[in-house]
Amino acid sequence: MRLAGKIAVVTGAGGGFGEGIAALFGREGARVVVADLNAAAAGRVAAAIGPTAVAVQGDVSKGPDVQRMVDVAVQQFDGLDIVVNNAGTTHRNGPMLEVDEATFDRVYAVNVKSLYWMAQAAIPVLRRQGRGGSIINIGSTAGIRPRPGLVWYNGTKGAVNTMTHCMAIELAPDNIRVNSVCPVIGATGLLEAFMGQADTPEIRQKFLATIPLGRMSTPADIANACLWLAEDSSAFITGILLPVDGGRTA
């Protein structure tokens, strides 16, 4: 029970990496706000965790929705200790000039502006409580060692990684730690968009060839990294970008 007594908000927790994170946090003793744009998915994950979880439907690109996620944590569980900014989206892999403005704006709103809204909602609570906290941003190897075809998405993850560094420095006097977990490509709902084509064994092999350990990341891989950054054993760790990538960025 490595998170016994902790209260967490996990965004994009209705599937993929977010579901893995929320489920592991629940098993390790945390009370979890399972936040997702898809209400049914959030409800399914919260029900699987049990009575220590509550589902909240919301769009992380909208300030009032993010505020509600934090408010539910405070009202239902009497506080907040951990925030995982996991919700994200992408444009389809392809030439950068073929991405329309609406898609560009949506990718930046979900991947970048969401951190602004969560900071506005969560940091005052963490400061008021006076016991510090852990903010974990889900970045990407795309923000460390990008490849062509995902130019605007890569830019959002570069922003997440830079914001992680800046937030860590500014919030250190409050003992609020801020770190980024940076996954390599995984078999999530965004997989074909990242690939830019159908998910076939041949196309998968092209991507796997760039990962020294020879496989994609899994929700368990990302959840285990987040667990370490959320628990007290990492109390002196802040401002890091932690690639969970099988050696992709080495």
Protein backbone atom coordinates (compact mmCIF):
# COMPACT_ATOMS: atom_id res chain seq x y z
CA MET A 1 0.00 0.00 0.00
CA ARG A 2 2.55 2.52 -1.19
CA LEU A 3 -0.05 5.31 -1.52
CA ALA A 4 -2.05 4.67 1.65
CA GLY A 5 -3.78 7.86 2.73
CA LYS A 6 -3.04 9.70 -0.53
CA ILE A 7 -5.66 11.38 -2.72
CA ALA A 8 -5.11 11.53 -6.47
CA VAL A 9 -6.67 13.06 -9.56
CA VAL A 10 -5.85 11.22 -12.79
CA THR A 11 -7.03 12.74 -16.07
CA GLY A 12 -7.71 10.70 -19.18
CA ALA A 13 -8.26 7.77 -16.85
CA GLY A 14 -11.01 6.08 -18.84
CA GLY A 15 -8.58 3.95 -20.83
CA GLY A 16 -4.99 3.40 -21.93
CA PHE A 17 -2.21 4.75 -19.75
CA GLY A 18 -4.63 6.67 -17.54
CA GLU A 19 -6.65 3.59 -16.69
CA GLY A 20 -3.46 1.74 -15.79
CA ILE A 21 -2.33 4.59 -13.55
CA ALA A 22 -5.68 4.99 -11.79
CA ALA A 23 -6.06 1.25 -11.23
CA LEU A 24 -2.56 0.85 -9.78
CA PHE A 25 -2.99 3.89 -7.53
CA GLY A 26 -6.22 2.36 -6.23
CA ARG A 27 -4.55 -0.97 -5.54
CA GLU A 28 -1.79 0.84 -3.66
CA GLY A 29 -4.23 2.50 -1.28
CA ALA A 30 -4.96 5.88 -2.88
CA ARG A 31 -8.38 7.41 -3.19
CA VAL A 32 -8.72 8.30 -6.86
CA VAL A 33 -10.70 10.78 -8.91
CA VAL A 34 -11.03 9.05 -12.29
CA ALA A 35 -11.47 11.90 -14.75
CA ASP A 36 -12.22 11.43 -18.43
CA LEU A 37 -14.05 13.06 -21.31
CA ASN A 38 -15.98 9.80 -21.71
CA ALA A 39 -18.32 9.50 -18.72
CA ALA A 40 -19.06 5.80 -19.28
CA ALA A 41 -15.36 4.93 -19.46
CA ALA A 42 -14.60 6.89 -16.31
CA GLY A 43 -17.46 5.16 -14.53
CA ARG A 44 -16.26 1.73 -15.60
CA VAL A 45 -12.73 2.32 -14.30
CA ALA A 46 -13.95 3.85 -11.02
CA ALA A 47 -16.32 0.92 -10.45
CA ALA A 48 -13.49 -1.55 -11.02
CA ILE A 49 -11.32 0.23 -8.45
CA GLY A 50 -14.13 0.23 -5.90
CA PRO A 51 -15.47 2.62 -3.25
CA THR A 52 -12.16 4.49 -3.00
CA ALA A 53 -12.67 5.89 -6.50
CA VAL A 54 -15.10 8.35 -8.01
CA ALA A 55 -15.69 9.14 -11.68
CA VAL A 56 -15.82 12.69 -13.03
CA GLN A 57 -16.67 13.55 -16.62
CA GLY A 58 -14.84 16.54 -18.00
CA ASP A 59 -12.81 18.16 -20.77
CA VAL A 60 -9.30 19.07 -19.59
CA SER A 61 -9.15 21.94 -22.07
CA LYS A 62 -11.93 23.73 -20.15
CA GLY A 63 -11.17 25.47 -16.88
CA PRO A 64 -14.50 24.83 -15.11
CA ASP A 65 -14.29 21.11 -15.90
CA VAL A 66 -10.79 20.84 -14.45
CA GLN A 67 -11.83 22.83 -11.39
CA ARG A 68 -14.64 20.34 -10.84
CA MET A 69 -12.17 17.44 -10.87
CA VAL A 70 -10.19 19.03 -8.05
CA ASP A 71 -13.33 20.09 -6.19
CA VAL A 72 -14.58 16.49 -6.20
CA ALA A 73 -11.29 15.30 -4.69
CA VAL A 74 -11.59 17.87 -1.90
CA GLN A 75 -15.30 17.30 -1.29
CA GLN A 76 -15.35 13.50 -1.56
CA PHE A 77 -11.95 12.66 -0.09
CA ASP A 78 -11.07 15.77 1.91
CA GLY A 79 -7.92 16.84 0.09
CA LEU A 80 -5.43 16.32 -2.70
CA ASP A 81 -1.90 14.93 -2.81
CA ILE A 82 -1.25 13.72 -6.37
CA VAL A 83 -2.19 15.01 -9.80
CA VAL A 84 -1.47 13.06 -12.97
CA ASN A 85 -1.96 15.17 -16.09
CA ASN A 86 -2.38 12.23 -18.44
CA ALA A 87 -5.16 13.25 -20.84
CA GLY A 88 -3.85 13.88 -24.32
CA THR A 89 -4.59 13.79 -28.01
CA THR A 90 -2.76 14.05 -31.32
CA HIS A 91 -3.18 14.83 -34.96
CA ARG A 92 -2.64 12.07 -37.50
CA ASN A 93 0.96 11.37 -38.45
CA GLY A 94 1.64 13.11 -41.76
CA PRO A 95 2.95 16.29 -43.38
CA MET A 96 2.74 19.25 -41.01
CA LEU A 97 1.02 21.50 -43.57
CA GLU A 98 -1.90 19.08 -43.81
CA VAL A 99 -2.96 19.63 -40.19
CA ASP A 100 -5.84 22.11 -40.13
CA GLU A 101 -6.11 24.94 -37.64
CA ALA A 102 -8.95 23.41 -35.64
CA THR A 103 -6.96 20.22 -35.09
CA PHE A 104 -3.83 22.19 -34.17
CA ASP A 105 -5.79 24.24 -31.63
CA ARG A 106 -7.40 21.14 -30.12
CA VAL A 107 -4.07 19.34 -29.70
CA TYR A 108 -2.55 22.33 -27.92
CA ALA A 109 -5.65 22.88 -25.79
CA VAL A 110 -5.74 19.27 -24.56
CA ASN A 111 -2.01 18.65 -24.24
CA VAL A 112 -0.76 22.05 -23.04
CA LYS A 113 -3.53 24.36 -21.85
CA SER A 114 -4.83 21.57 -19.64
CA LEU A 115 -1.69 21.93 -17.50
CA TYR A 116 -2.49 25.62 -17.06
CA TRP A 117 -6.03 24.85 -15.94
CA MET A 118 -4.92 22.09 -13.57
CA ALA A 119 -2.29 24.36 -12.04
CA GLN A 120 -4.95 27.01 -11.43
CA ALA A 121 -7.21 24.46 -9.73
CA ALA A 122 -4.79 22.20 -7.86
CA ILE A 123 -1.88 24.35 -6.70
CA PRO A 124 -3.95 26.58 -4.36
CA VAL A 125 -5.28 23.42 -2.68
CA LEU A 126 -1.83 21.88 -2.31
CA ARG A 127 -0.44 25.13 -0.89
CA ARG A 128 -3.33 25.58 1.50
CA GLN A 129 -2.91 22.07 2.88
CA GLY A 130 0.77 22.72 3.55
CA ARG A 131 1.91 19.12 3.09
CA GLY A 132 3.35 19.37 -0.39
CA GLY A 133 2.31 17.10 -3.21
CA SER A 134 3.30 15.42 -6.46
CA ILE A 135 2.31 16.61 -9.92
CA ILE A 136 3.12 14.15 -12.70
CA ASN A 137 2.82 15.33 -16.28
CA ILE A 138 2.68 12.70 -19.00
CA GLY A 139 5.10 13.97 -21.62
CA SER A 140 6.52 11.85 -24.41
CA THR A 141 9.72 10.76 -26.03
CA ALA A 142 8.32 12.93 -28.85
CA GLY A 143 9.31 15.95 -26.76
CA ILE A 144 12.85 14.66 -26.23
CA ARG A 145 13.80 12.97 -29.50
CA PRO A 146 11.07 13.79 -32.03
CA ARG A 147 10.56 12.24 -35.42
CA PRO A 148 8.91 13.82 -38.49
CA GLY A 149 5.22 13.47 -39.17
CA LEU A 150 4.01 14.60 -35.77
CA VAL A 151 5.43 18.11 -35.76
CA TRP A 152 2.65 19.89 -33.87
CA TYR A 153 2.10 17.03 -31.42
CA ASN A 154 5.84 16.90 -30.75
CA GLY A 155 5.69 20.63 -30.00
CA THR A 156 3.03 20.10 -27.36
CA LYS A 157 5.12 17.48 -25.59
CA GLY A 158 8.18 19.70 -25.76
CA ALA A 159 6.07 22.32 -24.02
CA VAL A 160 4.96 19.81 -21.37
CA ASN A 161 8.57 18.87 -20.66
CA THR A 162 9.74 22.49 -20.42
CA MET A 163 6.78 23.43 -18.23
CA THR A 164 7.64 20.50 -15.97
CA HIS A 165 11.11 21.92 -15.36
CA CYS A 166 9.79 25.43 -14.73
CA MET A 167 6.97 24.30 -12.43
CA ALA A 168 9.36 22.15 -10.41
CA ILE A 169 11.61 25.11 -9.68
CA GLU A 170 8.80 27.52 -8.85
CA LEU A 171 6.89 25.10 -6.64
CA ALA A 172 9.87 23.61 -4.79
CA PRO A 173 9.53 26.06 -1.84
CA ASP A 174 6.04 24.60 -1.30
CA ASN A 175 7.41 21.03 -1.40
CA ILE A 176 5.26 20.41 -4.46
CA ARG A 177 7.24 18.12 -6.73
CA VAL A 178 6.70 18.20 -10.50
CA ASN A 179 8.02 15.51 -12.83
CA SER A 180 7.31 14.23 -16.31
CA VAL A 181 6.96 10.62 -17.41
CA CYS A 182 7.81 10.31 -21.11
CA PRO A 183 6.45 7.15 -22.76
CA VAL A 184 7.46 5.75 -26.09
CA ILE A 185 4.62 4.68 -28.40
CA GLY A 186 2.15 2.27 -26.82
CA ALA A 187 -0.86 0.26 -27.93
CA THR A 188 -3.45 2.84 -26.87
CA GLY A 189 -6.42 4.35 -28.66
CA LEU A 190 -4.09 6.84 -30.38
CA LEU A 191 -1.81 4.19 -31.89
CA GLU A 192 -2.99 4.40 -35.51
CA ALA A 193 -2.96 8.19 -35.41
CA PHE A 194 0.66 8.10 -34.23
CA MET A 195 1.50 5.62 -36.98
CA GLY A 196 -0.39 7.53 -39.65
CA GLN A 197 -1.60 4.29 -41.19
CA ALA A 198 -3.27 1.00 -40.35
CA ASP A 199 -1.85 -0.99 -37.46
CA THR A 200 -0.38 -4.02 -39.21
CA PRO A 201 2.41 -6.37 -38.09
CA GLU A 202 4.68 -4.88 -40.76
CA ILE A 203 4.09 -1.29 -39.64
CA ARG A 204 4.49 -2.24 -35.98
CA GLN A 205 7.83 -3.81 -36.75
CA LYS A 206 9.06 -0.54 -38.27
CA PHE A 207 8.34 1.23 -34.99
CA LEU A 208 9.65 -1.58 -32.81
CA ALA A 209 12.93 -1.47 -34.70
CA THR A 210 13.60 1.95 -33.15
CA ILE A 211 13.10 0.66 -29.57
CA PRO A 212 16.14 -1.26 -28.26
CA LEU A 213 14.10 -3.43 -25.88
CA GLY A 214 11.94 -4.43 -28.83
CA ARG A 215 8.41 -3.67 -27.68
CA MET A 216 5.96 -0.82 -27.15
CA SER A 217 5.22 0.71 -23.77
CA THR A 218 2.27 -0.62 -21.79
CA PRO A 219 -0.10 0.97 -19.26
CA ALA A 220 1.67 -1.04 -16.56
CA ASP A 221 5.04 0.44 -17.54
CA ILE A 222 3.73 3.98 -17.28
CA ALA A 223 1.73 3.31 -14.13
CA ASN A 224 4.75 1.89 -12.31
CA ALA A 225 6.81 4.98 -13.16
CA CYS A 226 4.01 7.24 -11.94
CA LEU A 227 3.65 5.22 -8.74
CA TRP A 228 7.28 5.83 -7.85
CA LEU A 229 7.00 9.56 -8.54
CA ALA A 230 3.79 9.74 -6.49
CA GLU A 231 5.00 7.93 -3.39
CA ASP A 232 7.12 9.27 -0.54
CA SER A 233 10.20 7.25 -1.52
CA SER A 234 10.78 9.78 -4.33
CA ALA A 235 10.47 12.76 -1.98
CA PHE A 236 13.75 14.28 -3.22
CA ILE A 237 12.95 13.85 -6.92
CA THR A 238 11.62 16.87 -8.80
CA GLY A 239 12.08 18.40 -12.24
CA ILE A 240 13.01 15.18 -14.05
CA LEU A 241 11.92 13.91 -17.43
CA LEU A 242 11.72 10.13 -17.00
CA PRO A 243 11.73 8.29 -20.33
CA VAL A 244 9.83 5.01 -20.16
CA ASP A 245 10.90 4.00 -23.61
CA GLY A 246 12.87 0.78 -23.77
CA GLY A 247 15.98 2.76 -24.68
CA ARG A 248 14.42 4.80 -27.51
CA THR A 249 16.02 8.09 -26.41
CA ALA A 250 19.40 6.63 -25.38
